């Protein structure tokens, strides 16, 4: 059976980390963008990361941070993978990842006018530029950066790219089954869809989301 990996992002509290782990999340995301309501200080994130069992990924989300700023955060909070979610250039992403020797995801905020061919070209350029490139994360375009709870047109995702992408943007327990049946991505990323309020997760919503992903996986031939 195909198994879609699950990332729960925007974690700020020990109890939410434990809820995500208990539900079966594969990766946990920590937002190091000070303007975000889900921001967590590196020292606090370090304490949460220290509680993670083996084989659970920790993802550090950055927005327009310099290589030096990324290095300073990772020195305190040793995340296993980076996620660049702002307007960073290809060279900036590669330089920051190289500075800390971490694989990285490039978030693409899907805007009107973006074509399927553009997504394939993005992936090709990043993969050719750095051996640390791990894949694309596709999110909806909103004012600001991330956590907008908006869905984009999944039909834009090329069939040949889908098995390698992380699908994000407005996912919740009510729509993730449809998303998986239509897109069949490698992984899904949820933040606002499992929250009680910004930065505060809801245990029941996390459990329902994971259950919905697992149900979709079970129905895929």
N, C-alpha and C. Protein backbone atom coordinates (compact mmCIF):
# COMPACT_ATOMS: atom_id res chain seq x y z
N UNK A 1 0.83 -1.20 0.00
CA UNK A 1 0.00 0.00 0.00
C UNK A 1 0.87 1.25 0.00
N UNK A 2 0.53 2.19 -0.84
CA UNK A 2 1.22 3.48 -0.83
C UNK A 2 0.97 4.18 0.50
N UNK A 3 2.01 4.82 1.05
CA UNK A 3 1.84 5.56 2.29
C UNK A 3 2.28 7.00 2.10
N UNK A 4 1.35 7.92 2.19
CA UNK A 4 1.65 9.34 2.08
C UNK A 4 2.26 9.82 3.39
N UNK A 5 3.42 10.47 3.29
CA UNK A 5 4.05 11.01 4.49
C UNK A 5 3.31 12.27 4.94
N UNK A 6 3.35 12.52 6.24
CA UNK A 6 2.58 13.61 6.84
C UNK A 6 3.49 14.52 7.64
N UNK A 7 3.43 15.82 7.32
CA UNK A 7 4.14 16.82 8.10
C UNK A 7 3.13 17.72 8.79
N UNK A 8 3.28 17.89 10.09
CA UNK A 8 2.48 18.84 10.86
C UNK A 8 3.38 20.05 11.12
N UNK A 9 2.97 21.22 10.66
CA UNK A 9 3.83 22.41 10.73
C UNK A 9 3.28 23.44 11.73
N UNK A 10 4.17 24.34 12.13
CA UNK A 10 3.77 25.43 13.02
C UNK A 10 3.62 25.02 14.46
N UNK A 11 4.41 24.05 14.90
CA UNK A 11 4.32 23.56 16.28
C UNK A 11 5.06 24.50 17.23
N UNK A 12 4.45 24.74 18.38
CA UNK A 12 5.06 25.66 19.36
C UNK A 12 5.03 25.12 20.78
N UNK A 13 4.29 24.01 21.03
CA UNK A 13 4.10 23.54 22.40
C UNK A 13 4.44 22.05 22.52
N UNK A 14 4.99 21.63 23.65
CA UNK A 14 5.32 20.22 23.85
C UNK A 14 4.12 19.30 23.67
N UNK A 15 2.96 19.71 24.17
CA UNK A 15 1.79 18.84 24.07
C UNK A 15 1.33 18.64 22.63
N UNK A 16 1.56 19.66 21.79
CA UNK A 16 1.18 19.52 20.38
C UNK A 16 2.16 18.60 19.64
N UNK A 17 3.43 18.70 20.00
CA UNK A 17 4.43 17.79 19.44
C UNK A 17 4.06 16.35 19.78
N UNK A 18 3.71 16.09 21.02
CA UNK A 18 3.36 14.73 21.43
C UNK A 18 2.08 14.25 20.75
N UNK A 19 1.13 15.15 20.55
CA UNK A 19 -0.11 14.78 19.85
C UNK A 19 0.18 14.40 18.41
N UNK A 20 1.06 15.16 17.75
CA UNK A 20 1.41 14.86 16.37
C UNK A 20 2.13 13.52 16.26
N UNK A 21 3.03 13.27 17.19
CA UNK A 21 3.75 12.00 17.19
C UNK A 21 2.81 10.83 17.46
N UNK A 22 1.92 10.99 18.41
CA UNK A 22 0.99 9.92 18.76
C UNK A 22 0.05 9.60 17.60
N UNK A 23 -0.29 10.62 16.81
CA UNK A 23 -1.20 10.41 15.68
C UNK A 23 -0.51 9.72 14.52
N UNK A 24 0.83 9.83 14.45
CA UNK A 24 1.55 9.16 13.38
C UNK A 24 2.22 10.08 12.38
N UNK A 25 2.48 11.33 12.75
CA UNK A 25 3.16 12.26 11.85
C UNK A 25 4.58 11.78 11.57
N UNK A 26 5.04 12.04 10.35
CA UNK A 26 6.40 11.66 9.95
C UNK A 26 7.40 12.79 10.15
N UNK A 27 6.91 14.03 10.10
CA UNK A 27 7.79 15.19 10.23
C UNK A 27 7.05 16.31 10.95
N UNK A 28 7.81 17.10 11.71
CA UNK A 28 7.26 18.23 12.45
C UNK A 28 7.95 19.50 11.99
N UNK A 29 7.16 20.56 11.79
CA UNK A 29 7.70 21.80 11.28
C UNK A 29 7.73 22.90 12.33
N UNK A 30 8.83 23.65 12.33
CA UNK A 30 9.03 24.76 13.27
C UNK A 30 9.29 26.03 12.46
N UNK A 31 8.53 27.07 12.76
CA UNK A 31 8.58 28.30 11.97
C UNK A 31 9.54 29.29 12.61
N UNK A 32 10.61 29.61 11.88
CA UNK A 32 11.61 30.56 12.37
C UNK A 32 11.49 31.90 11.63
N UNK A 33 10.26 32.31 11.40
CA UNK A 33 9.97 33.59 10.75
C UNK A 33 9.30 34.47 11.80
N UNK A 34 10.01 35.45 12.36
CA UNK A 34 9.50 36.21 13.50
C UNK A 34 8.14 36.88 13.29
N UNK A 35 7.79 37.20 12.05
CA UNK A 35 6.51 37.87 11.81
C UNK A 35 5.32 36.91 11.85
N UNK A 36 5.59 35.61 11.89
CA UNK A 36 4.51 34.63 11.88
C UNK A 36 3.92 34.44 13.27
N UNK A 37 2.60 34.26 13.37
CA UNK A 37 1.99 33.95 14.67
C UNK A 37 2.39 32.57 15.17
N UNK A 38 2.99 31.79 14.31
CA UNK A 38 3.44 30.44 14.69
C UNK A 38 4.95 30.41 14.95
N UNK A 39 5.55 31.57 15.05
CA UNK A 39 7.00 31.65 15.27
C UNK A 39 7.38 30.97 16.59
N UNK A 40 8.51 30.30 16.56
CA UNK A 40 9.07 29.73 17.78
C UNK A 40 10.54 30.12 17.85
N UNK A 41 11.00 30.51 19.00
CA UNK A 41 12.40 30.88 19.18
C UNK A 41 13.27 29.63 19.04
N UNK A 42 14.46 29.77 18.46
CA UNK A 42 15.33 28.60 18.26
C UNK A 42 15.59 27.80 19.54
N UNK A 43 15.79 28.48 20.65
CA UNK A 43 16.06 27.77 21.90
C UNK A 43 14.86 26.92 22.33
N UNK A 44 13.65 27.46 22.15
CA UNK A 44 12.46 26.70 22.49
C UNK A 44 12.28 25.52 21.54
N UNK A 45 12.56 25.74 20.25
CA UNK A 45 12.46 24.66 19.28
C UNK A 45 13.45 23.56 19.60
N UNK A 46 14.64 23.95 20.06
CA UNK A 46 15.65 22.95 20.40
C UNK A 46 15.15 21.99 21.47
N UNK A 47 14.42 22.52 22.45
CA UNK A 47 13.87 21.68 23.50
C UNK A 47 12.86 20.68 22.97
N UNK A 48 12.06 21.11 21.98
CA UNK A 48 11.07 20.21 21.38
C UNK A 48 11.75 19.16 20.49
N UNK A 49 12.74 19.60 19.73
CA UNK A 49 13.45 18.67 18.85
C UNK A 49 14.14 17.58 19.65
N UNK A 50 14.63 17.94 20.81
CA UNK A 50 15.33 16.97 21.66
C UNK A 50 14.43 15.84 22.13
N UNK A 51 13.11 16.03 22.06
CA UNK A 51 12.17 15.00 22.51
C UNK A 51 11.76 14.05 21.39
N UNK A 52 12.20 14.32 20.16
CA UNK A 52 11.74 13.52 19.03
C UNK A 52 12.43 12.16 19.00
N UNK A 53 11.69 11.10 18.68
CA UNK A 53 12.30 9.78 18.56
C UNK A 53 13.05 9.65 17.24
N UNK A 54 13.79 8.56 17.04
CA UNK A 54 14.51 8.35 15.78
C UNK A 54 13.55 8.29 14.58
N UNK A 55 14.04 8.74 13.44
CA UNK A 55 13.34 8.65 12.15
C UNK A 55 12.15 9.60 12.01
N UNK A 56 12.03 10.56 12.93
CA UNK A 56 11.03 11.61 12.77
C UNK A 56 11.76 12.87 12.30
N UNK A 57 11.34 13.43 11.19
CA UNK A 57 12.01 14.60 10.64
C UNK A 57 11.62 15.87 11.38
N UNK A 58 12.59 16.78 11.49
CA UNK A 58 12.31 18.11 12.04
C UNK A 58 12.64 19.12 10.94
N UNK A 59 11.69 19.98 10.64
CA UNK A 59 11.82 20.90 9.51
C UNK A 59 11.82 22.33 10.01
N UNK A 60 12.82 23.09 9.60
CA UNK A 60 12.88 24.50 9.96
C UNK A 60 12.42 25.36 8.81
N UNK A 61 11.35 26.14 9.03
CA UNK A 61 10.80 27.01 7.98
C UNK A 61 11.40 28.41 8.11
N UNK A 62 11.97 28.89 7.00
CA UNK A 62 12.60 30.20 6.96
C UNK A 62 11.98 31.05 5.86
N UNK A 63 11.92 32.34 6.10
CA UNK A 63 11.41 33.29 5.10
C UNK A 63 12.42 34.41 4.93
N UNK A 64 13.05 34.42 3.76
CA UNK A 64 13.99 35.49 3.39
C UNK A 64 15.11 35.68 4.41
N UNK A 65 15.56 34.58 5.00
CA UNK A 65 16.66 34.64 5.96
C UNK A 65 17.98 34.48 5.20
N UNK A 66 19.01 35.16 5.68
CA UNK A 66 20.34 35.02 5.08
C UNK A 66 20.95 33.69 5.50
N UNK A 67 22.03 33.31 4.80
CA UNK A 67 22.72 32.07 5.15
C UNK A 67 23.24 32.14 6.59
N UNK A 68 23.68 33.33 7.00
CA UNK A 68 24.18 33.51 8.35
C UNK A 68 23.06 33.35 9.38
N UNK A 69 21.89 33.88 9.07
CA UNK A 69 20.75 33.76 9.98
C UNK A 69 20.30 32.31 10.09
N UNK A 70 20.28 31.60 8.97
CA UNK A 70 19.91 30.19 8.99
C UNK A 70 20.91 29.41 9.84
N UNK A 71 22.18 29.69 9.64
CA UNK A 71 23.22 28.98 10.40
C UNK A 71 23.10 29.24 11.89
N UNK A 72 22.76 30.47 12.26
CA UNK A 72 22.63 30.81 13.68
C UNK A 72 21.47 30.04 14.31
N UNK A 73 20.37 29.88 13.57
CA UNK A 73 19.22 29.13 14.09
C UNK A 73 19.56 27.65 14.22
N UNK A 74 20.15 27.09 13.16
CA UNK A 74 20.44 25.65 13.16
C UNK A 74 21.47 25.29 14.23
N UNK A 75 22.36 26.23 14.55
CA UNK A 75 23.33 25.99 15.62
C UNK A 75 22.64 25.77 16.96
N UNK A 76 21.47 26.39 17.13
CA UNK A 76 20.71 26.22 18.37
C UNK A 76 19.67 25.11 18.25
N UNK A 77 18.96 25.11 17.14
CA UNK A 77 17.89 24.14 16.91
C UNK A 77 18.26 23.27 15.71
N UNK A 78 18.84 22.10 15.95
CA UNK A 78 19.40 21.28 14.86
C UNK A 78 18.35 20.54 14.04
N UNK A 79 17.58 21.28 13.26
CA UNK A 79 16.56 20.67 12.40
C UNK A 79 17.24 19.78 11.37
N UNK A 80 16.50 18.79 10.89
CA UNK A 80 17.09 17.84 9.94
C UNK A 80 16.92 18.29 8.49
N UNK A 81 15.99 19.21 8.23
CA UNK A 81 15.76 19.69 6.87
C UNK A 81 15.30 21.14 6.92
N UNK A 82 15.66 21.90 5.90
CA UNK A 82 15.27 23.30 5.80
C UNK A 82 14.12 23.45 4.82
N UNK A 83 13.29 24.46 5.05
CA UNK A 83 12.20 24.78 4.12
C UNK A 83 12.25 26.28 3.87
N UNK A 84 12.50 26.67 2.63
CA UNK A 84 12.57 28.08 2.26
C UNK A 84 11.23 28.50 1.68
N UNK A 85 10.60 29.46 2.35
CA UNK A 85 9.21 29.77 2.06
C UNK A 85 8.99 31.22 1.62
N UNK A 86 10.08 31.94 1.36
CA UNK A 86 9.93 33.35 0.99
C UNK A 86 10.27 33.61 -0.46
N UNK A 87 10.96 34.71 -0.69
CA UNK A 87 11.32 35.12 -2.05
C UNK A 87 12.80 34.87 -2.32
N UNK A 88 13.35 33.90 -1.63
CA UNK A 88 14.77 33.57 -1.82
C UNK A 88 15.04 33.16 -3.27
N UNK A 89 16.22 33.54 -3.75
CA UNK A 89 16.64 33.10 -5.07
C UNK A 89 17.18 31.67 -4.98
N UNK A 90 17.36 31.08 -6.14
CA UNK A 90 17.96 29.74 -6.21
C UNK A 90 19.32 29.74 -5.52
N UNK A 91 20.15 30.73 -5.82
CA UNK A 91 21.49 30.78 -5.24
C UNK A 91 21.44 30.96 -3.72
N UNK A 92 20.50 31.77 -3.23
CA UNK A 92 20.38 31.98 -1.79
C UNK A 92 19.98 30.70 -1.07
N UNK A 93 19.04 29.95 -1.63
CA UNK A 93 18.63 28.68 -1.03
C UNK A 93 19.80 27.71 -0.97
N UNK A 94 20.51 27.60 -2.07
CA UNK A 94 21.63 26.65 -2.13
C UNK A 94 22.73 27.05 -1.15
N UNK A 95 23.01 28.36 -1.05
CA UNK A 95 24.07 28.83 -0.16
C UNK A 95 23.72 28.58 1.30
N UNK A 96 22.48 28.84 1.67
CA UNK A 96 22.06 28.63 3.06
C UNK A 96 22.10 27.15 3.42
N UNK A 97 21.65 26.30 2.51
CA UNK A 97 21.67 24.86 2.77
C UNK A 97 23.11 24.35 2.89
N UNK A 98 23.97 24.85 2.02
CA UNK A 98 25.37 24.43 2.05
C UNK A 98 26.05 24.87 3.34
N UNK A 99 25.67 26.07 3.84
CA UNK A 99 26.30 26.61 5.04
C UNK A 99 26.08 25.72 6.26
N UNK A 100 24.95 25.02 6.28
CA UNK A 100 24.64 24.15 7.43
C UNK A 100 24.61 22.68 7.05
N UNK A 101 24.90 22.39 5.78
CA UNK A 101 24.91 21.01 5.28
C UNK A 101 23.62 20.27 5.61
N UNK A 102 22.51 20.89 5.22
CA UNK A 102 21.19 20.29 5.42
C UNK A 102 20.46 20.21 4.08
N UNK A 103 19.70 19.15 3.84
CA UNK A 103 18.82 19.12 2.67
C UNK A 103 17.75 20.18 2.82
N UNK A 104 17.18 20.61 1.68
CA UNK A 104 16.17 21.66 1.76
C UNK A 104 15.01 21.43 0.80
N UNK A 105 13.86 21.91 1.23
CA UNK A 105 12.66 21.99 0.40
C UNK A 105 12.50 23.43 -0.08
N UNK A 106 12.08 23.59 -1.31
CA UNK A 106 11.75 24.91 -1.82
C UNK A 106 10.24 25.02 -1.93
N UNK A 107 9.66 25.94 -1.17
CA UNK A 107 8.22 26.16 -1.25
C UNK A 107 7.91 27.05 -2.45
N UNK A 108 6.99 26.61 -3.27
CA UNK A 108 6.51 27.39 -4.40
C UNK A 108 5.08 27.83 -4.08
N UNK A 109 4.88 29.13 -4.02
CA UNK A 109 3.56 29.68 -3.74
C UNK A 109 2.85 29.86 -5.09
N UNK A 110 1.89 28.97 -5.34
CA UNK A 110 1.28 28.87 -6.66
C UNK A 110 0.35 30.06 -6.92
N UNK A 111 0.74 30.88 -7.89
CA UNK A 111 -0.02 32.07 -8.24
C UNK A 111 -0.77 31.87 -9.54
N UNK A 112 -1.82 32.67 -9.78
CA UNK A 112 -2.50 32.62 -11.08
C UNK A 112 -1.49 32.88 -12.20
N UNK A 113 -1.58 32.10 -13.24
CA UNK A 113 -0.67 32.26 -14.36
C UNK A 113 0.49 31.28 -14.35
N UNK A 114 0.72 30.64 -13.19
CA UNK A 114 1.77 29.63 -13.13
C UNK A 114 1.35 28.41 -13.93
N UNK A 115 2.26 27.88 -14.72
CA UNK A 115 1.95 26.74 -15.58
C UNK A 115 2.58 25.46 -15.03
N UNK A 116 2.03 24.34 -15.45
CA UNK A 116 2.60 23.06 -15.05
C UNK A 116 4.05 22.94 -15.48
N UNK A 117 4.36 23.46 -16.66
CA UNK A 117 5.73 23.41 -17.15
C UNK A 117 6.68 24.20 -16.26
N UNK A 118 6.16 25.28 -15.66
CA UNK A 118 6.98 26.08 -14.76
C UNK A 118 7.42 25.27 -13.55
N UNK A 119 6.53 24.45 -13.01
CA UNK A 119 6.86 23.65 -11.85
C UNK A 119 7.94 22.62 -12.19
N UNK A 120 7.83 22.01 -13.36
CA UNK A 120 8.85 21.06 -13.78
C UNK A 120 10.19 21.74 -13.97
N UNK A 121 10.16 22.95 -14.50
CA UNK A 121 11.40 23.70 -14.71
C UNK A 121 12.03 24.10 -13.38
N UNK A 122 11.20 24.52 -12.42
CA UNK A 122 11.71 24.85 -11.09
C UNK A 122 12.45 23.65 -10.50
N UNK A 123 11.80 22.50 -10.56
CA UNK A 123 12.42 21.31 -9.97
C UNK A 123 13.74 20.99 -10.67
N UNK A 124 13.74 21.08 -11.99
CA UNK A 124 14.96 20.78 -12.74
C UNK A 124 16.09 21.72 -12.36
N UNK A 125 15.79 23.01 -12.25
CA UNK A 125 16.82 23.99 -11.93
C UNK A 125 17.40 23.76 -10.54
N UNK A 126 16.54 23.52 -9.57
CA UNK A 126 17.02 23.31 -8.20
C UNK A 126 17.79 22.01 -8.08
N UNK A 127 17.31 20.97 -8.72
CA UNK A 127 18.00 19.68 -8.60
C UNK A 127 19.38 19.76 -9.26
N UNK A 128 19.48 20.50 -10.35
CA UNK A 128 20.77 20.65 -11.03
C UNK A 128 21.72 21.54 -10.25
N UNK A 129 21.18 22.44 -9.43
CA UNK A 129 22.01 23.43 -8.74
C UNK A 129 22.62 22.93 -7.45
N UNK A 130 21.95 21.97 -6.78
CA UNK A 130 22.45 21.55 -5.47
C UNK A 130 22.11 20.10 -5.16
N UNK A 131 23.09 19.33 -4.68
CA UNK A 131 22.79 17.95 -4.25
C UNK A 131 21.98 17.91 -2.97
N UNK A 132 21.83 19.08 -2.30
CA UNK A 132 21.05 19.14 -1.07
C UNK A 132 19.57 19.39 -1.32
N UNK A 133 19.20 19.67 -2.56
CA UNK A 133 17.79 19.90 -2.86
C UNK A 133 16.99 18.62 -2.68
N UNK A 134 15.94 18.69 -1.84
CA UNK A 134 15.15 17.50 -1.53
C UNK A 134 13.82 17.45 -2.26
N UNK A 135 13.32 18.59 -2.72
CA UNK A 135 12.05 18.58 -3.43
C UNK A 135 11.29 19.88 -3.29
N UNK A 136 10.17 19.97 -4.02
CA UNK A 136 9.31 21.14 -3.98
C UNK A 136 8.16 20.92 -3.01
N UNK A 137 7.81 21.98 -2.30
CA UNK A 137 6.59 22.02 -1.50
C UNK A 137 5.67 23.03 -2.17
N UNK A 138 4.48 22.60 -2.54
CA UNK A 138 3.56 23.46 -3.27
C UNK A 138 2.48 23.99 -2.34
N UNK A 139 2.37 25.31 -2.28
CA UNK A 139 1.46 25.98 -1.37
C UNK A 139 0.67 27.01 -2.14
N UNK A 140 -0.45 27.44 -1.57
CA UNK A 140 -1.26 28.48 -2.20
C UNK A 140 -0.62 29.85 -1.97
N UNK A 141 -0.78 30.74 -2.92
CA UNK A 141 -0.28 32.10 -2.76
C UNK A 141 -1.27 32.90 -1.92
N UNK A 142 -0.75 33.52 -0.86
CA UNK A 142 -1.55 34.42 -0.01
C UNK A 142 -0.69 35.63 0.31
N UNK A 143 -1.32 36.69 0.75
CA UNK A 143 -0.56 37.83 1.25
C UNK A 143 0.19 37.38 2.49
N UNK A 144 1.46 37.72 2.57
CA UNK A 144 2.27 37.20 3.65
C UNK A 144 2.86 35.87 3.23
N UNK A 145 3.29 35.08 4.19
CA UNK A 145 3.99 33.84 3.87
C UNK A 145 3.46 32.68 4.69
N UNK A 146 2.74 31.76 4.02
CA UNK A 146 2.36 30.50 4.64
C UNK A 146 1.22 30.60 5.63
N UNK A 147 0.61 29.44 5.91
CA UNK A 147 -0.43 29.35 6.92
C UNK A 147 -1.70 30.10 6.59
N UNK A 148 -1.96 30.31 5.29
CA UNK A 148 -3.14 31.08 4.90
C UNK A 148 -4.42 30.28 4.81
N UNK A 149 -4.30 28.96 4.85
CA UNK A 149 -5.48 28.11 4.79
C UNK A 149 -6.20 28.14 3.45
N UNK A 150 -5.47 28.47 2.38
CA UNK A 150 -6.06 28.56 1.05
C UNK A 150 -5.63 27.37 0.20
N UNK A 151 -6.53 26.92 -0.67
CA UNK A 151 -6.27 25.83 -1.59
C UNK A 151 -5.98 26.41 -2.97
N UNK A 152 -5.03 25.81 -3.69
CA UNK A 152 -4.79 26.22 -5.07
C UNK A 152 -5.30 25.14 -6.01
N UNK A 153 -5.19 25.40 -7.30
CA UNK A 153 -5.71 24.47 -8.31
C UNK A 153 -4.76 23.28 -8.44
N UNK A 154 -5.15 22.15 -7.88
CA UNK A 154 -4.29 20.96 -7.90
C UNK A 154 -4.04 20.45 -9.31
N UNK A 155 -4.91 20.82 -10.26
CA UNK A 155 -4.74 20.35 -11.64
C UNK A 155 -3.46 20.88 -12.27
N UNK A 156 -2.86 21.91 -11.66
CA UNK A 156 -1.62 22.47 -12.19
C UNK A 156 -0.42 21.56 -11.95
N UNK A 157 -0.55 20.61 -11.04
CA UNK A 157 0.58 19.75 -10.69
C UNK A 157 0.74 18.65 -11.75
N UNK A 158 1.86 18.64 -12.47
CA UNK A 158 2.06 17.61 -13.50
C UNK A 158 2.05 16.21 -12.89
N UNK A 159 1.47 15.27 -13.61
CA UNK A 159 1.37 13.90 -13.10
C UNK A 159 2.74 13.30 -12.82
N UNK A 160 3.74 13.65 -13.65
CA UNK A 160 5.07 13.08 -13.46
C UNK A 160 5.81 13.71 -12.27
N UNK A 161 5.37 14.89 -11.82
CA UNK A 161 6.00 15.57 -10.69
C UNK A 161 5.35 15.18 -9.36
N UNK A 162 4.07 14.89 -9.38
CA UNK A 162 3.30 14.68 -8.16
C UNK A 162 3.92 13.69 -7.17
N UNK A 163 4.45 12.56 -7.61
CA UNK A 163 4.98 11.59 -6.64
C UNK A 163 6.20 12.09 -5.85
N UNK A 164 6.73 13.26 -6.25
CA UNK A 164 7.93 13.78 -5.57
C UNK A 164 7.64 15.05 -4.76
N UNK A 165 6.42 15.58 -4.80
CA UNK A 165 6.16 16.86 -4.15
C UNK A 165 5.52 16.68 -2.78
N UNK A 166 5.66 17.76 -1.99
CA UNK A 166 4.93 17.90 -0.74
C UNK A 166 3.77 18.84 -1.02
N UNK A 167 2.55 18.38 -0.82
CA UNK A 167 1.37 19.19 -1.09
C UNK A 167 0.93 19.91 0.17
N UNK A 168 0.75 21.23 0.06
CA UNK A 168 0.33 22.05 1.17
C UNK A 168 -0.75 23.01 0.68
N UNK A 169 -1.21 23.87 1.59
CA UNK A 169 -2.17 24.89 1.20
C UNK A 169 -3.62 24.51 1.46
N UNK A 170 -4.14 24.92 2.62
CA UNK A 170 -5.56 24.76 2.90
C UNK A 170 -6.02 23.33 3.14
N UNK A 171 -5.12 22.43 3.42
CA UNK A 171 -5.53 21.04 3.65
C UNK A 171 -6.12 20.87 5.05
N UNK A 172 -7.10 19.98 5.14
CA UNK A 172 -7.71 19.63 6.42
C UNK A 172 -8.32 18.24 6.29
N UNK A 173 -8.92 17.76 7.36
CA UNK A 173 -9.47 16.40 7.34
C UNK A 173 -10.60 16.25 6.33
N UNK A 174 -11.26 17.36 5.99
CA UNK A 174 -12.39 17.30 5.08
C UNK A 174 -11.98 17.22 3.60
N UNK A 175 -10.81 17.76 3.25
CA UNK A 175 -10.46 17.77 1.83
C UNK A 175 -9.20 16.98 1.48
N UNK A 176 -8.47 16.46 2.48
CA UNK A 176 -7.21 15.81 2.16
C UNK A 176 -7.42 14.49 1.42
N UNK A 177 -8.51 13.80 1.65
CA UNK A 177 -8.77 12.57 0.92
C UNK A 177 -8.90 12.85 -0.57
N UNK A 178 -9.69 13.87 -0.92
CA UNK A 178 -9.82 14.25 -2.33
C UNK A 178 -8.48 14.66 -2.91
N UNK A 179 -7.70 15.42 -2.13
CA UNK A 179 -6.39 15.86 -2.60
C UNK A 179 -5.49 14.67 -2.95
N UNK A 180 -5.48 13.68 -2.09
CA UNK A 180 -4.62 12.53 -2.32
C UNK A 180 -5.09 11.70 -3.50
N UNK A 181 -6.39 11.56 -3.65
CA UNK A 181 -6.92 10.78 -4.77
C UNK A 181 -6.66 11.47 -6.10
N UNK A 182 -6.65 12.79 -6.09
CA UNK A 182 -6.44 13.55 -7.33
C UNK A 182 -4.96 13.75 -7.65
N UNK A 183 -4.15 14.04 -6.64
CA UNK A 183 -2.76 14.42 -6.87
C UNK A 183 -1.79 13.26 -6.65
N UNK A 184 -2.01 12.49 -5.59
CA UNK A 184 -1.11 11.43 -5.17
C UNK A 184 0.32 11.95 -4.94
N UNK A 185 0.46 12.91 -4.04
CA UNK A 185 1.78 13.46 -3.75
C UNK A 185 2.59 12.51 -2.87
N UNK A 186 3.86 12.83 -2.72
CA UNK A 186 4.70 12.05 -1.81
C UNK A 186 4.30 12.31 -0.37
N UNK A 187 4.01 13.58 -0.07
CA UNK A 187 3.71 13.96 1.31
C UNK A 187 2.71 15.11 1.34
N UNK A 188 2.08 15.30 2.48
CA UNK A 188 1.19 16.44 2.70
C UNK A 188 1.69 17.22 3.91
N UNK A 189 1.41 18.51 3.90
CA UNK A 189 1.87 19.41 4.96
C UNK A 189 0.66 20.21 5.44
N UNK A 190 0.39 20.16 6.73
CA UNK A 190 -0.78 20.85 7.27
C UNK A 190 -0.37 21.70 8.46
N UNK A 191 -1.00 22.87 8.57
CA UNK A 191 -0.75 23.75 9.72
C UNK A 191 -2.07 24.28 10.25
N UNK A 192 -2.65 25.26 9.54
CA UNK A 192 -3.89 25.86 10.03
C UNK A 192 -5.05 24.87 10.06
N UNK A 193 -4.99 23.84 9.22
CA UNK A 193 -6.08 22.87 9.15
C UNK A 193 -6.21 21.97 10.36
N UNK A 194 -5.21 22.02 11.26
CA UNK A 194 -5.29 21.20 12.48
C UNK A 194 -5.12 22.07 13.73
N UNK A 195 -5.55 23.33 13.62
CA UNK A 195 -5.37 24.26 14.73
C UNK A 195 -6.66 24.62 15.43
N UNK A 196 -6.51 24.89 16.71
CA UNK A 196 -7.58 25.50 17.50
C UNK A 196 -7.52 27.01 17.32
N UNK A 197 -6.31 27.54 17.34
CA UNK A 197 -6.03 28.94 17.03
C UNK A 197 -4.60 28.98 16.50
N UNK A 198 -4.17 30.10 15.98
CA UNK A 198 -2.87 30.15 15.32
C UNK A 198 -1.75 29.77 16.28
N UNK A 199 -1.03 28.71 15.91
CA UNK A 199 0.07 28.24 16.73
C UNK A 199 -0.33 27.27 17.82
N UNK A 200 -1.63 27.05 17.99
CA UNK A 200 -2.15 26.12 19.00
C UNK A 200 -2.90 25.01 18.28
N UNK A 201 -2.38 23.80 18.35
CA UNK A 201 -2.98 22.69 17.63
C UNK A 201 -4.15 22.08 18.39
N UNK A 202 -4.98 21.39 17.61
CA UNK A 202 -6.16 20.71 18.14
C UNK A 202 -5.94 19.21 18.00
N UNK A 203 -5.89 18.50 19.10
CA UNK A 203 -5.58 17.08 19.09
C UNK A 203 -6.55 16.29 18.21
N UNK A 204 -7.84 16.59 18.33
CA UNK A 204 -8.85 15.87 17.55
C UNK A 204 -8.68 16.13 16.06
N UNK A 205 -8.33 17.35 15.69
CA UNK A 205 -8.14 17.68 14.27
C UNK A 205 -6.89 17.00 13.71
N UNK A 206 -5.86 16.91 14.52
CA UNK A 206 -4.65 16.20 14.07
C UNK A 206 -4.99 14.74 13.82
N UNK A 207 -5.69 14.11 14.76
CA UNK A 207 -6.05 12.71 14.62
C UNK A 207 -6.95 12.48 13.41
N UNK A 208 -7.91 13.38 13.21
CA UNK A 208 -8.83 13.25 12.07
C UNK A 208 -8.09 13.41 10.75
N UNK A 209 -7.12 14.31 10.72
CA UNK A 209 -6.34 14.53 9.50
C UNK A 209 -5.53 13.29 9.15
N UNK A 210 -4.84 12.75 10.12
CA UNK A 210 -4.04 11.55 9.89
C UNK A 210 -4.93 10.38 9.48
N UNK A 211 -6.06 10.24 10.13
CA UNK A 211 -7.00 9.17 9.77
C UNK A 211 -7.47 9.30 8.31
N UNK A 212 -7.74 10.56 7.89
CA UNK A 212 -8.21 10.80 6.54
C UNK A 212 -7.12 10.47 5.52
N UNK A 213 -5.87 10.79 5.83
CA UNK A 213 -4.76 10.44 4.94
C UNK A 213 -4.62 8.93 4.84
N UNK A 214 -4.70 8.25 5.94
CA UNK A 214 -4.54 6.81 5.94
C UNK A 214 -5.70 6.13 5.21
N UNK A 215 -6.91 6.70 5.35
CA UNK A 215 -8.05 6.13 4.63
C UNK A 215 -7.90 6.30 3.13
N UNK A 216 -7.40 7.47 2.73
CA UNK A 216 -7.17 7.71 1.29
C UNK A 216 -6.12 6.75 0.75
N UNK A 217 -5.03 6.59 1.50
CA UNK A 217 -3.99 5.67 1.07
C UNK A 217 -4.54 4.25 0.87
N UNK A 218 -5.40 3.84 1.78
CA UNK A 218 -5.95 2.49 1.71
C UNK A 218 -6.84 2.29 0.49
N UNK A 219 -7.39 3.39 -0.02
CA UNK A 219 -8.31 3.28 -1.17
C UNK A 219 -7.61 3.44 -2.51
N UNK A 220 -6.33 3.80 -2.48
CA UNK A 220 -5.59 3.96 -3.73
C UNK A 220 -5.05 2.62 -4.18
N UNK A 221 -5.35 2.21 -5.42
CA UNK A 221 -4.90 0.89 -5.89
C UNK A 221 -3.39 0.77 -5.88
